[in-house]
Amino acid sequence: MLKRQKIISSIVLIAASAVGLIYCIRNIGETTLSIHPLFLPSILFGALCLLSVIRLYSGVRMKPEEDERHDIHVPKKSLLTMVLIVAYALLFKSLGYVVDTFFYLVFQMLLLKDGKKNYALIALIAVIGSVGVYALFVYGFNVMLPPGVLNHLF
């Protein structure tokens, strides 16, 4: 069973990374920047494709005695983190970078902090983190991030 799962998951990853790589290559155009914004995603999709091919090769060559069933346990905090990341990505443009990042950081810190929670410190870290990184990108790197709901306030 493990051999079959390894082969199928490798094929899915190869297909997904190939689609991403083709998208990046087809959309790289002329830019005034020294490095195109799609350069890093192209490298990452290429690396994912290469690693998936290696995984497929190891799955095909797997010996029958290695083909054992493994129980996979995903902790609840990991699943909730994945949900938070998906929500962050979906709300990024509508809420804007600062607001979306603030809420993501607050919820992520509340999720990961065990024991007594210092809500004031969590809020302070989230404000400084989201506003600080926004200022770094907008004023330091001259990269515009979506203002979202803050665009209507200022």
Protein backbone atom coordinates (compact mmCIF):
# COMPACT_ATOMS: atom_id res chain seq x y z
CA MET A 1 0.00 0.00 0.00
CA LEU A 2 2.80 2.43 0.87
CA LYS A 3 4.50 1.86 -2.50
CA ARG A 4 1.33 2.69 -4.40
CA GLN A 5 0.70 5.81 -2.27
CA LYS A 6 4.27 6.98 -2.79
CA ILE A 7 4.02 6.56 -6.56
CA ILE A 8 0.61 8.26 -6.83
CA SER A 9 1.58 11.18 -4.60
CA SER A 10 4.81 11.63 -6.56
CA ILE A 11 2.92 11.76 -9.85
CA VAL A 12 0.45 14.32 -8.43
CA LEU A 13 3.32 16.47 -7.14
CA ILE A 14 5.17 16.24 -10.47
CA ALA A 15 2.04 17.34 -12.34
CA ALA A 16 1.28 20.20 -9.92
CA SER A 17 4.85 21.49 -9.90
CA ALA A 18 5.07 21.22 -13.69
CA VAL A 19 1.90 23.30 -14.04
CA GLY A 20 3.31 25.91 -11.65
CA LEU A 21 6.67 25.95 -13.44
CA ILE A 22 5.05 26.31 -16.86
CA TYR A 23 2.86 29.14 -15.54
CA CYS A 24 5.90 30.98 -14.16
CA ILE A 25 7.96 30.52 -17.33
CA ARG A 26 5.11 31.65 -19.60
CA ASN A 27 4.44 34.77 -17.51
CA ILE A 28 8.01 35.97 -17.06
CA GLY A 29 8.21 39.13 -19.10
CA GLU A 30 10.41 42.16 -19.26
CA THR A 31 10.82 44.06 -16.02
CA THR A 32 12.88 46.94 -14.73
CA LEU A 33 13.74 44.92 -11.65
CA SER A 34 17.04 43.05 -11.51
CA ILE A 35 15.23 39.82 -10.66
CA HIS A 36 11.74 39.05 -11.92
CA PRO A 37 9.12 38.40 -9.19
CA LEU A 38 8.45 34.95 -10.70
CA PHE A 39 12.11 33.89 -10.49
CA LEU A 40 11.92 32.42 -6.98
CA PRO A 41 8.61 30.60 -7.58
CA SER A 42 10.17 29.13 -10.74
CA ILE A 43 13.13 27.84 -8.74
CA LEU A 44 10.82 26.40 -6.05
CA PHE A 45 8.53 24.68 -8.57
CA GLY A 46 11.57 23.27 -10.37
CA ALA A 47 13.02 21.96 -7.10
CA LEU A 48 9.66 20.45 -6.13
CA CYS A 49 9.44 18.74 -9.52
CA LEU A 50 12.98 17.36 -9.17
CA LEU A 51 12.36 16.09 -5.64
CA SER A 52 9.09 14.50 -6.76
CA VAL A 53 10.88 12.66 -9.57
CA ILE A 54 13.41 11.36 -7.02
CA ARG A 55 10.53 10.28 -4.76
CA LEU A 56 8.82 8.55 -7.69
CA TYR A 57 12.05 6.70 -8.52
CA SER A 58 12.45 5.53 -4.92
CA GLY A 59 8.79 4.44 -4.85
CA VAL A 60 9.15 2.41 -8.03
CA ARG A 61 12.31 0.73 -6.70
CA MET A 62 10.78 0.00 -3.28
CA LYS A 63 11.17 -3.61 -2.20
CA PRO A 64 8.11 -5.62 -1.11
CA GLU A 65 9.40 -5.93 2.48
CA GLU A 66 9.54 -2.12 2.75
CA ASP A 67 5.92 -1.82 1.67
CA GLU A 68 4.34 -1.58 5.12
CA ARG A 69 1.34 0.36 6.23
CA HIS A 70 2.15 3.38 8.36
CA ASP A 71 -0.34 5.20 10.54
CA ILE A 72 -0.21 8.91 9.97
CA HIS A 73 -1.21 11.18 12.81
CA VAL A 74 -1.59 14.88 12.08
CA PRO A 75 -1.80 16.95 15.26
CA LYS A 76 -4.84 19.18 15.68
CA LYS A 77 -2.66 22.30 15.92
CA SER A 78 -1.09 21.49 12.55
CA LEU A 79 -4.49 21.18 10.90
CA LEU A 80 -5.65 24.45 12.45
CA THR A 81 -2.43 26.13 11.27
CA MET A 82 -3.18 24.95 7.73
CA VAL A 83 -6.70 26.37 8.01
CA LEU A 84 -5.27 29.69 9.24
CA ILE A 85 -2.83 29.83 6.30
CA VAL A 86 -5.60 29.16 3.79
CA ALA A 87 -7.81 31.81 5.41
CA TYR A 88 -4.87 34.24 5.38
CA ALA A 89 -4.33 33.65 1.66
CA LEU A 90 -8.02 33.96 0.81
CA LEU A 91 -8.50 37.20 2.76
CA PHE A 92 -5.18 38.80 1.76
CA LYS A 93 -6.47 41.12 -0.98
CA SER A 94 -9.79 42.03 0.60
CA LEU A 95 -8.53 42.76 4.12
CA GLY A 96 -5.11 44.01 3.07
CA TYR A 97 -1.68 43.04 4.29
CA VAL A 98 -1.65 44.82 7.65
CA VAL A 99 -5.10 43.73 8.88
CA ASP A 100 -4.85 40.19 7.51
CA THR A 101 -1.36 39.67 8.93
CA PHE A 102 -2.41 41.11 12.28
CA PHE A 103 -5.30 38.65 12.63
CA TYR A 104 -3.19 35.75 11.36
CA LEU A 105 -0.43 36.46 13.88
CA VAL A 106 -2.89 36.84 16.76
CA PHE A 107 -4.71 33.58 15.98
CA GLN A 108 -1.47 31.70 15.30
CA MET A 109 0.10 32.85 18.59
CA LEU A 110 -3.08 31.99 20.50
CA LEU A 111 -3.07 28.56 18.87
CA LEU A 112 0.57 27.80 19.62
CA LYS A 113 0.85 29.31 23.09
CA ASP A 114 0.26 26.79 25.85
CA GLY A 115 -0.70 27.84 29.34
CA LYS A 116 -1.53 31.39 30.36
CA LYS A 117 -1.78 33.79 27.46
CA ASN A 118 -0.67 37.41 27.64
CA TYR A 119 -3.18 39.00 25.26
CA ALA A 120 -1.60 42.47 25.43
CA LEU A 121 1.80 41.11 24.43
CA ILE A 122 0.28 39.02 21.64
CA ALA A 123 -1.55 42.08 20.26
CA LEU A 124 1.60 44.22 20.55
CA ILE A 125 3.72 41.67 18.69
CA ALA A 126 1.05 41.34 15.99
CA VAL A 127 0.81 45.13 15.51
CA ILE A 128 4.57 45.66 15.44
CA GLY A 129 5.10 42.65 13.17
CA SER A 130 2.43 43.48 10.61
CA VAL A 131 3.05 47.24 10.49
CA GLY A 132 6.84 46.83 10.63
CA VAL A 133 7.01 44.37 7.74
CA TYR A 134 4.53 46.48 5.75
CA ALA A 135 6.72 49.56 6.24
CA LEU A 136 9.84 47.60 5.31
CA PHE A 137 8.34 46.39 2.04
CA VAL A 138 6.55 49.60 1.05
CA TYR A 139 9.19 52.14 2.08
CA GLY A 140 12.35 50.04 2.12
CA PHE A 141 11.90 47.76 -0.89
CA ASN A 142 9.32 49.91 -2.74
CA VAL A 143 7.00 46.90 -3.08
CA MET A 144 3.31 47.71 -2.85
CA LEU A 145 1.26 45.40 -0.66
CA PRO A 146 -2.54 45.40 -0.77
CA PRO A 147 -3.91 48.07 1.59
CA GLY A 148 -7.36 46.42 1.73
CA VAL A 149 -9.75 47.97 4.25
CA LEU A 150 -7.12 50.48 5.39
CA ASN A 151 -7.27 52.05 1.93
CA HIS A 152 -10.73 53.39 2.77
CA LEU A 153 -9.58 54.88 6.08
CA PHE A 154 -6.70 56.97 4.73
